[in-house]
Amino acid sequence: MSISVKHMLDRKGRDVVTVSRDATIEEVAKILEQKRIGAIVVTSLEDRIAGIFTERDLVRCVAKDGQVALSNPVSSAMTTSVTRCREETTLNELMEMMSSGRFRHVPVESGGKLSGIISIGDVVKARIQEVEAEAEHIRAYIAS
C-alpha cells in the first residue's frame, strides 16, 4: 500500500509559506532565502491558490529583465497553471506527477483551499520509509 499525501502532511506538518499577488519579487526572494525554501505559494482571498513562485521563476525573470524585475509584483512572474494534488493522492501518483511535469513542489488542495505543500525532499523521505518498511516485512517473513 502506497503512502498518501495525507500521511506525509501528518508527519511533516501543514504549514505553507504564502504571499499575496502584489508582493514584490524582491520581497518574495528574501522570504525564500530566510525560510530556506525553494517555492512559495501565491494565494488570493480565502486561501485559494493563485500561483506558485519558485527559484526557477526568479532566475527566469531576473535573466530576462535584470534588476528591475525585483520591483515587479510576483504575479508578473509566477506560474499560474499550478498542478495540485489532494490528500488522497498516493506517493506513486505524486512521483509520476512531479517527474512528468518536471517540478519539485506540489501544493495540496482540500475543498478548493490550500492545505499543505509537498516538496521533492518530502517525496524522497517517504519513499525511503516505504522501502525500509518493505525490507522489514521481507526480513520478518524470512525469519518466520
Protein backbone atom coordinates (compact mmCIF):
# COMPACT_ATOMS: atom_id res chain seq x y z
CA MET A 1 0.00 0.00 0.00
CA SER A 2 1.47 3.33 -1.07
CA ILE A 3 1.84 6.23 1.32
CA SER A 4 -0.70 9.03 0.84
CA VAL A 5 -0.15 12.79 0.76
CA LYS A 6 -2.27 12.98 3.93
CA HIS A 7 0.20 10.67 5.69
CA MET A 8 3.14 12.81 4.54
CA LEU A 9 1.46 16.03 5.69
CA ASP A 10 0.53 14.49 9.04
CA ARG A 11 4.21 13.70 9.61
CA LYS A 12 5.80 16.90 8.31
CA GLY A 13 3.12 19.48 9.08
CA ARG A 14 0.76 21.55 7.02
CA ASP A 15 2.37 24.96 7.29
CA VAL A 16 2.81 26.66 3.93
CA VAL A 17 4.59 29.95 3.31
CA THR A 18 2.34 32.15 1.19
CA VAL A 19 2.31 35.67 -0.21
CA SER A 20 -0.27 37.80 -1.93
CA ARG A 21 -0.16 38.60 -5.65
CA ASP A 22 1.07 42.15 -5.03
CA ALA A 23 4.21 41.24 -3.05
CA THR A 24 7.31 42.30 -4.96
CA ILE A 25 9.68 39.74 -6.41
CA GLU A 26 12.40 41.16 -4.15
CA GLU A 27 10.22 40.58 -1.06
CA VAL A 28 9.50 37.03 -2.18
CA ALA A 29 13.19 36.33 -2.91
CA LYS A 30 14.05 37.45 0.63
CA ILE A 31 11.39 35.14 2.08
CA LEU A 32 12.72 32.21 0.03
CA GLU A 33 16.20 32.87 1.39
CA GLN A 34 15.14 33.47 5.00
CA LYS A 35 12.92 30.39 5.15
CA ARG A 36 15.40 28.31 3.13
CA ILE A 37 12.69 27.10 0.77
CA GLY A 38 12.53 26.71 -2.99
CA ALA A 39 8.94 27.76 -3.64
CA ILE A 40 6.24 29.98 -2.24
CA VAL A 41 2.53 29.69 -2.92
CA VAL A 42 0.76 32.83 -4.07
CA THR A 43 -2.73 32.97 -2.65
CA SER A 44 -5.81 35.02 -3.31
CA LEU A 45 -8.56 35.61 -0.79
CA GLU A 46 -9.78 32.65 1.30
CA ASP A 47 -6.51 30.69 0.89
CA ARG A 48 -7.16 29.83 -2.74
CA ILE A 49 -4.10 29.04 -4.86
CA ALA A 50 -3.45 31.81 -7.39
CA GLY A 51 0.01 30.65 -8.41
CA ILE A 52 3.40 29.41 -7.30
CA PHE A 53 6.73 31.20 -7.46
CA THR A 54 9.89 29.11 -7.44
CA GLU A 55 13.62 29.67 -7.60
CA ARG A 56 13.40 28.86 -11.32
CA ASP A 57 10.83 31.63 -11.80
CA LEU A 58 13.17 34.04 -10.01
CA VAL A 59 16.09 33.11 -12.26
CA ARG A 60 13.95 33.46 -15.39
CA CYS A 61 12.59 36.92 -14.57
CA VAL A 62 15.97 38.31 -13.46
CA ALA A 63 17.68 36.85 -16.54
CA LYS A 64 15.03 38.43 -18.76
CA ASP A 65 14.56 41.86 -17.13
CA GLY A 66 17.60 42.30 -14.87
CA GLN A 67 17.46 44.06 -11.53
CA VAL A 68 14.33 45.99 -12.48
CA ALA A 69 12.40 42.69 -12.24
CA LEU A 70 12.81 42.75 -8.47
CA SER A 71 10.40 45.65 -8.12
CA ASN A 72 7.68 43.91 -10.13
CA PRO A 73 4.79 42.15 -8.40
CA VAL A 74 5.21 38.41 -8.00
CA SER A 75 2.05 37.98 -10.08
CA SER A 76 4.04 39.11 -13.12
CA ALA A 77 6.41 36.13 -12.92
CA MET A 78 4.59 33.39 -11.02
CA THR A 79 3.40 30.17 -12.57
CA THR A 80 -0.38 30.41 -12.78
CA SER A 81 -1.28 26.95 -14.04
CA VAL A 82 -0.37 25.17 -10.84
CA THR A 83 -0.51 21.40 -10.67
CA ARG A 84 -2.14 20.45 -7.40
CA CYS A 85 -2.70 17.21 -5.57
CA ARG A 86 -5.18 16.06 -2.96
CA GLU A 87 -4.61 14.38 0.37
CA GLU A 88 -5.76 11.10 -1.18
CA THR A 89 -3.02 11.23 -3.83
CA THR A 90 -0.58 8.35 -3.41
CA LEU A 91 3.18 8.60 -3.29
CA ASN A 92 3.44 6.79 -6.63
CA GLU A 93 0.97 9.17 -8.28
CA LEU A 94 2.86 12.13 -6.84
CA MET A 95 6.21 10.83 -8.11
CA GLU A 96 4.75 10.43 -11.59
CA MET A 97 3.19 13.90 -11.45
CA MET A 98 6.44 15.56 -10.36
CA SER A 99 8.59 13.58 -12.77
CA SER A 100 6.45 14.14 -15.85
CA GLY A 101 5.85 17.81 -15.03
CA ARG A 102 9.50 18.40 -14.07
CA PHE A 103 8.71 20.33 -10.91
CA ARG A 104 9.76 19.96 -7.30
CA HIS A 105 6.83 21.41 -5.35
CA VAL A 106 3.16 20.47 -5.40
CA PRO A 107 0.57 22.38 -3.37
CA VAL A 108 -2.09 20.27 -1.69
CA GLU A 109 -5.67 21.40 -2.11
CA SER A 110 -8.62 20.37 0.02
CA GLY A 111 -12.09 21.77 -0.59
CA GLY A 112 -10.67 24.28 -3.05
CA LYS A 113 -8.27 25.70 -0.45
CA LEU A 114 -4.57 25.32 0.20
CA SER A 115 -3.94 22.68 2.88
CA GLY A 116 -0.23 21.94 2.52
CA ILE A 117 2.70 21.58 0.15
CA ILE A 118 4.85 18.60 -0.77
CA SER A 119 8.43 19.01 -1.97
CA ILE A 120 10.64 16.53 -3.78
CA GLY A 121 12.52 16.13 -0.48
CA ASP A 122 9.31 15.03 1.21
CA VAL A 123 8.73 12.50 -1.58
CA VAL A 124 12.25 11.08 -1.24
CA LYS A 125 11.89 10.73 2.55
CA ALA A 126 8.52 9.00 2.18
CA ARG A 127 9.86 6.63 -0.48
CA ILE A 128 12.84 5.70 1.72
CA GLN A 129 10.44 4.97 4.59
CA GLU A 130 8.33 2.85 2.27
CA VAL A 131 11.35 0.84 1.06
CA GLU A 132 12.61 0.36 4.63
CA ALA A 133 9.17 -0.90 5.72
CA GLU A 134 9.07 -3.34 2.78
CA ALA A 135 12.54 -4.63 3.65
CA GLU A 136 11.50 -5.12 7.27
CA HIS A 137 8.43 -7.10 6.19
CA ILE A 138 10.59 -9.31 3.98
CA ARG A 139 13.07 -9.90 6.83
CA ALA A 140 10.20 -10.79 9.18
CA TYR A 141 8.73 -13.17 6.59
CA ILE A 142 12.04 -14.92 6.02
CA ALA A 143 12.68 -15.21 9.78
CA SER A 144 9.29 -16.84 10.41
